[in-house]
């Protein structure tokens, strides 16, 4: 990531987190009428025990020196969770991976054991993706519920971009924006972790240019390395389907993620999926 892109990402993150907090949640009086939602810069600075000028410079994305102890104080003032703290530290201290991208791309081959796991999860749509959210593996259930990924060229199997450019995925989730935010929260965690790789800022620039609704959703996204949520789909052929999404980090040399969609218990989702797979030619 270019230094200016890293600092811009840090600035946007601090502003977004500050806007989510209200005075009463941090023990401050409401004060006078506020022009914008959330805390003021001086209030965050006071809670963190730093000067307003210094915090303003940090939030403006200026290239200033920061220490872990001061970042701890800011993280506490902004009430960041573990994933958000790591994202803050990665950006502010530029502590993310400096491994060359080519050295990371070589390990994205699906191992035989992981392929076996995909096959065994017969009625749980499962997708394996890399640190760029590039889809590198999937099972038959995923092809029936989402897309027939075999028909998509390997270079175009980026889950983030597919969510925006495939009408089947736009119409699949009952709340498409909620669905997208879950993937963007994972992508943002990677974005902070791999600060040395300019691919991320280039990809975000491309998405912003090509898809008008990307920028707003990206700015609103949280940071989460492993979100667990329930998602309701309206499948074109199977109708209403309910899944619990569990995102797991795959241990090994490659930075892979396994996203498993488990049919909600006591729903008829698994029955519908079984029929869909039986009747389909995929």
Protein backbone atom coordinates (compact mmCIF):
# COMPACT_ATOMS: atom_id res chain seq x y z
CA UNK A 1 0.00 0.00 0.00
CA UNK A 2 1.34 3.42 -0.89
CA UNK A 3 2.09 5.64 2.18
CA UNK A 4 -0.57 8.18 1.19
CA UNK A 5 -3.16 5.41 0.73
CA UNK A 6 -2.30 3.94 4.14
CA UNK A 7 -2.63 7.31 5.87
CA UNK A 8 -5.88 8.04 4.04
CA UNK A 9 -7.25 4.69 5.20
CA UNK A 10 -6.20 5.50 8.76
CA UNK A 11 -7.90 8.90 8.55
CA UNK A 12 -11.15 7.43 7.23
CA UNK A 13 -11.16 4.72 9.89
CA UNK A 14 -10.66 7.13 12.80
CA UNK A 15 -13.41 9.44 11.53
CA UNK A 16 -15.81 6.54 11.05
CA UNK A 17 -15.19 5.13 14.52
CA UNK A 18 -15.53 8.55 16.14
CA UNK A 19 -18.86 9.12 14.40
CA UNK A 20 -20.28 5.91 15.89
CA UNK A 21 -19.84 7.04 19.49
CA UNK A 22 -22.17 9.31 21.46
CA UNK A 23 -21.22 11.34 24.55
CA UNK A 24 -23.42 9.34 26.92
CA UNK A 25 -21.75 6.06 25.88
CA UNK A 26 -18.36 7.31 27.07
CA UNK A 27 -19.57 9.15 30.16
CA UNK A 28 -19.57 12.68 28.70
CA UNK A 29 -22.42 15.20 28.96
CA UNK A 30 -24.36 15.78 25.70
CA UNK A 31 -23.18 19.40 25.52
CA UNK A 32 -24.36 21.86 22.94
CA UNK A 33 -25.96 21.01 19.62
CA UNK A 34 -23.66 18.98 17.38
CA UNK A 35 -23.28 19.59 13.68
CA UNK A 36 -22.18 16.01 12.98
CA UNK A 37 -22.92 12.68 14.71
CA UNK A 38 -20.51 11.17 17.19
CA UNK A 39 -17.80 12.59 19.37
CA UNK A 40 -15.75 15.68 18.63
CA UNK A 41 -12.02 15.38 18.02
CA UNK A 42 -11.23 17.17 21.25
CA UNK A 43 -13.38 14.71 23.18
CA UNK A 44 -11.54 11.71 21.75
CA UNK A 45 -8.22 13.42 22.52
CA UNK A 46 -9.30 14.09 26.12
CA UNK A 47 -10.44 10.49 26.61
CA UNK A 48 -7.13 9.20 25.20
CA UNK A 49 -5.02 11.66 27.19
CA UNK A 50 -3.39 13.28 24.15
CA UNK A 51 -3.45 16.82 22.82
CA UNK A 52 -6.25 17.83 20.47
CA UNK A 53 -3.69 19.08 17.96
CA UNK A 54 -1.82 15.76 17.90
CA UNK A 55 -5.02 13.73 17.52
CA UNK A 56 -6.24 16.07 14.79
CA UNK A 57 -3.01 15.52 12.87
CA UNK A 58 -3.40 11.75 13.26
CA UNK A 59 -7.00 11.84 12.05
CA UNK A 60 -6.04 14.07 9.14
CA UNK A 61 -3.64 11.39 7.97
CA UNK A 62 -0.45 13.33 8.57
CA UNK A 63 2.74 11.31 8.64
CA UNK A 64 3.56 11.63 12.35
CA UNK A 65 5.26 9.30 14.82
CA UNK A 66 2.99 7.20 17.02
CA UNK A 67 3.72 4.72 19.77
CA UNK A 68 1.84 1.51 20.69
CA UNK A 69 0.97 2.94 24.12
CA UNK A 70 -0.69 6.01 22.61
CA UNK A 71 -2.56 3.83 20.10
CA UNK A 72 -3.76 1.73 23.04
CA UNK A 73 -5.20 4.87 24.59
CA UNK A 74 -6.90 5.92 21.35
CA UNK A 75 -8.29 2.42 20.81
CA UNK A 76 -9.72 2.52 24.32
CA UNK A 77 -11.25 5.96 23.77
CA UNK A 78 -12.90 4.77 20.55
CA UNK A 79 -14.01 1.49 22.18
CA UNK A 80 -12.46 -0.65 19.46
CA UNK A 81 -12.80 -4.43 19.47
CA UNK A 82 -9.86 -6.78 18.87
CA UNK A 83 -10.15 -6.78 15.07
CA UNK A 84 -10.53 -3.00 14.95
CA UNK A 85 -7.52 -2.53 17.24
CA UNK A 86 -5.36 -4.69 15.00
CA UNK A 87 -6.51 -2.72 11.96
CA UNK A 88 -5.61 0.56 13.71
CA UNK A 89 -2.14 -0.72 14.69
CA UNK A 90 -1.44 -2.14 11.22
CA UNK A 91 -2.22 1.20 9.57
CA UNK A 92 -0.72 3.56 12.14
CA UNK A 93 2.48 1.56 12.75
CA UNK A 94 2.66 0.06 9.25
CA UNK A 95 3.06 -3.28 10.99
CA UNK A 96 1.28 -5.40 8.40
CA UNK A 97 2.96 -7.97 6.21
CA UNK A 98 5.80 -6.75 4.01
CA UNK A 99 6.06 -10.05 2.16
CA UNK A 100 6.15 -9.57 -1.58
CA UNK A 101 2.80 -10.39 -3.19
CA UNK A 102 4.32 -13.01 -5.51
CA UNK A 103 5.57 -14.96 -2.49
CA UNK A 104 2.05 -15.08 -1.08
CA UNK A 105 0.25 -16.01 -4.29
CA UNK A 106 2.15 -19.26 -4.72
CA UNK A 107 0.38 -21.00 -1.83
CA UNK A 108 -3.21 -20.73 -2.99
CA UNK A 109 -3.55 -24.29 -4.32
CA UNK A 110 -6.24 -26.26 -2.50
CA UNK A 111 -4.74 -29.23 -0.66
CA UNK A 112 -6.24 -32.72 -1.05
CA UNK A 113 -7.46 -32.67 2.56
CA UNK A 114 -9.21 -29.32 2.06
CA UNK A 115 -10.78 -30.61 -1.15
CA UNK A 116 -12.09 -33.60 0.82
CA UNK A 117 -13.61 -31.28 3.41
CA UNK A 118 -15.39 -29.35 0.64
CA UNK A 119 -16.87 -32.57 -0.71
CA UNK A 120 -17.99 -33.78 2.72
CA UNK A 121 -19.89 -30.53 3.38
CA UNK A 122 -22.49 -31.73 0.90
CA UNK A 123 -25.41 -29.54 1.95
CA UNK A 124 -23.37 -26.65 3.32
CA UNK A 125 -22.40 -24.23 0.53
CA UNK A 126 -18.71 -23.58 1.13
CA UNK A 127 -16.24 -21.20 -0.53
CA UNK A 128 -12.47 -21.04 -0.08
CA UNK A 129 -10.95 -17.62 -0.77
CA UNK A 130 -7.51 -16.08 -0.48
CA UNK A 131 -6.36 -12.84 1.14
CA UNK A 132 -7.69 -10.84 -1.83
CA UNK A 133 -11.13 -12.52 -1.56
CA UNK A 134 -10.28 -14.37 -4.76
CA UNK A 135 -12.27 -17.63 -4.88
CA UNK A 136 -9.90 -20.57 -5.16
CA UNK A 137 -12.23 -23.42 -4.18
CA UNK A 138 -15.90 -24.27 -3.70
CA UNK A 139 -18.24 -27.24 -3.45
CA UNK A 140 -21.26 -28.28 -5.49
CA UNK A 141 -23.69 -26.74 -2.99
CA UNK A 142 -22.05 -23.34 -3.43
CA UNK A 143 -22.42 -23.56 -7.21
CA UNK A 144 -26.15 -24.28 -6.82
CA UNK A 145 -26.86 -21.53 -4.31
CA UNK A 146 -24.54 -18.77 -5.59
CA UNK A 147 -23.11 -19.17 -9.10
CA UNK A 148 -21.63 -21.86 -11.26
CA UNK A 149 -18.09 -20.69 -10.61
CA UNK A 150 -16.74 -23.07 -13.27
CA UNK A 151 -18.24 -20.75 -15.89
CA UNK A 152 -16.34 -17.72 -14.55
CA UNK A 153 -12.68 -17.26 -15.61
CA UNK A 154 -10.32 -17.76 -12.68
CA UNK A 155 -9.04 -14.18 -12.86
CA UNK A 156 -12.60 -12.85 -12.47
CA UNK A 157 -13.55 -14.93 -9.41
CA UNK A 158 -13.16 -12.15 -6.87
CA UNK A 159 -16.02 -12.44 -4.38
CA UNK A 160 -16.18 -8.70 -3.69
CA UNK A 161 -16.45 -7.79 -7.36
CA UNK A 162 -18.87 -10.64 -8.12
CA UNK A 163 -21.24 -9.29 -5.46
CA UNK A 164 -21.44 -6.03 -7.38
CA UNK A 165 -21.40 -7.17 -11.01
CA UNK A 166 -23.52 -10.34 -10.96
CA UNK A 167 -27.27 -9.75 -10.94
CA UNK A 168 -27.81 -13.25 -9.52
CA UNK A 169 -25.89 -12.30 -6.36
CA UNK A 170 -27.50 -8.85 -6.12
CA UNK A 171 -30.94 -10.47 -6.04
CA UNK A 172 -29.98 -13.48 -3.90
CA UNK A 173 -29.71 -11.95 -0.43
CA UNK A 174 -32.86 -10.41 1.05
CA UNK A 175 -30.66 -7.64 2.43
CA UNK A 176 -27.93 -7.35 -0.20
CA UNK A 177 -26.19 -4.44 1.52
CA UNK A 178 -25.93 -6.40 4.78
CA UNK A 179 -24.58 -9.36 2.81
CA UNK A 180 -21.95 -7.18 1.13
CA UNK A 181 -20.89 -5.49 4.37
CA UNK A 182 -19.98 -8.88 5.84
CA UNK A 183 -17.51 -9.54 3.01
CA UNK A 184 -16.20 -5.98 3.11
CA UNK A 185 -15.49 -6.31 6.85
CA UNK A 186 -13.26 -9.30 6.07
CA UNK A 187 -11.66 -7.46 3.15
CA UNK A 188 -10.93 -4.45 5.38
CA UNK A 189 -9.15 -6.72 7.88
CA UNK A 190 -6.90 -7.95 5.05
CA UNK A 191 -6.48 -4.36 3.81
CA UNK A 192 -4.93 -3.33 7.10
CA UNK A 193 -2.85 -6.49 7.44
CA UNK A 194 -1.13 -6.30 4.04
CA UNK A 195 -0.13 -2.65 4.07
CA UNK A 196 2.84 -3.27 1.76
CA UNK A 197 0.77 -4.57 -1.14
CA UNK A 198 -0.47 -1.82 -3.52
CA UNK A 199 -2.98 -4.28 -5.01
CA UNK A 200 -5.52 -3.36 -2.32
CA UNK A 201 -5.62 0.38 -2.95
CA UNK A 202 -5.63 -0.27 -6.70
CA UNK A 203 -8.55 -2.67 -6.34
CA UNK A 204 -10.54 -0.22 -4.19
CA UNK A 205 -9.90 2.54 -6.74
CA UNK A 206 -11.16 0.27 -9.52
CA UNK A 207 -14.28 -0.75 -7.58
CA UNK A 208 -15.04 2.90 -6.79
CA UNK A 209 -14.81 3.86 -10.46
CA UNK A 210 -16.86 0.96 -11.80
CA UNK A 211 -19.61 0.58 -9.17
CA UNK A 212 -21.33 3.75 -7.88
CA UNK A 213 -22.64 2.08 -4.71
CA UNK A 214 -19.29 0.60 -3.65
CA UNK A 215 -17.79 3.69 -1.99
CA UNK A 216 -20.61 4.24 0.51
CA UNK A 217 -20.68 0.59 1.55
CA UNK A 218 -16.89 0.49 1.86
CA UNK A 219 -16.90 3.57 4.09
CA UNK A 220 -19.61 2.04 6.29
CA UNK A 221 -17.96 -1.37 6.62
CA UNK A 222 -16.65 -2.67 9.93
CA UNK A 223 -13.51 -4.72 10.54
CA UNK A 224 -13.95 -8.42 11.26
CA UNK A 225 -11.62 -11.34 10.71
CA UNK A 226 -14.37 -13.94 11.25
CA UNK A 227 -17.97 -12.68 11.20
CA UNK A 228 -20.75 -15.12 12.13
CA UNK A 229 -24.19 -14.06 10.91
CA UNK A 230 -27.50 -15.50 9.75
CA UNK A 231 -28.39 -14.70 6.15
CA UNK A 232 -31.70 -15.05 4.36
CA UNK A 233 -31.60 -15.82 0.66
CA UNK A 234 -34.40 -15.67 -1.90
CA UNK A 235 -33.17 -18.19 -4.43
CA UNK A 236 -34.61 -17.93 -7.94
CA UNK A 237 -35.56 -21.63 -7.95
CA UNK A 238 -35.59 -22.76 -4.30
CA UNK A 239 -37.23 -19.71 -2.72
CA UNK A 240 -36.51 -18.72 0.88
CA UNK A 241 -33.35 -20.24 2.35
CA UNK A 242 -31.76 -19.51 5.73
CA UNK A 243 -28.07 -20.05 6.42
CA UNK A 244 -25.69 -19.42 9.29
CA UNK A 245 -22.38 -18.13 7.95
CA UNK A 246 -19.23 -19.24 9.74
CA UNK A 247 -15.90 -17.87 8.52
CA UNK A 248 -12.80 -19.88 9.41
CA UNK A 249 -9.13 -19.16 8.84
CA UNK A 250 -7.39 -22.13 7.21
CA UNK A 251 -4.16 -23.03 8.99
CA UNK A 252 -1.12 -23.42 6.77
CA UNK A 253 1.34 -21.46 4.66
CA UNK A 254 -1.39 -19.93 2.46
CA UNK A 255 -3.64 -17.20 3.86
CA UNK A 256 -6.93 -18.89 3.01
CA UNK A 257 -10.42 -18.50 4.45
CA UNK A 258 -13.22 -21.06 4.52
CA UNK A 259 -16.74 -19.58 4.46
CA UNK A 260 -19.34 -22.20 5.39
CA UNK A 261 -23.07 -21.59 4.98
CA UNK A 262 -24.87 -24.03 7.27
CA UNK A 263 -28.64 -24.50 6.78
CA UNK A 264 -30.48 -23.08 9.79
CA UNK A 265 -31.79 -25.83 12.03
CA UNK A 266 -35.57 -26.41 11.98
CA UNK A 267 -35.86 -24.62 8.63
CA UNK A 268 -36.50 -26.50 5.40
CA UNK A 269 -33.38 -25.06 3.78
CA UNK A 270 -31.45 -28.32 3.62
CA UNK A 271 -34.44 -30.08 2.05
CA UNK A 272 -34.74 -27.35 -0.58
CA UNK A 273 -31.02 -27.45 -1.28
CA UNK A 274 -31.08 -31.24 -1.63
CA UNK A 275 -33.91 -31.04 -4.16
CA UNK A 276 -32.19 -28.19 -6.00
CA UNK A 277 -28.99 -30.18 -6.37
CA UNK A 278 -30.86 -33.31 -7.43
CA UNK A 279 -32.89 -31.51 -10.10
CA UNK A 280 -30.07 -29.33 -11.45
CA UNK A 281 -27.64 -30.18 -14.21
CA UNK A 282 -24.72 -28.33 -12.60
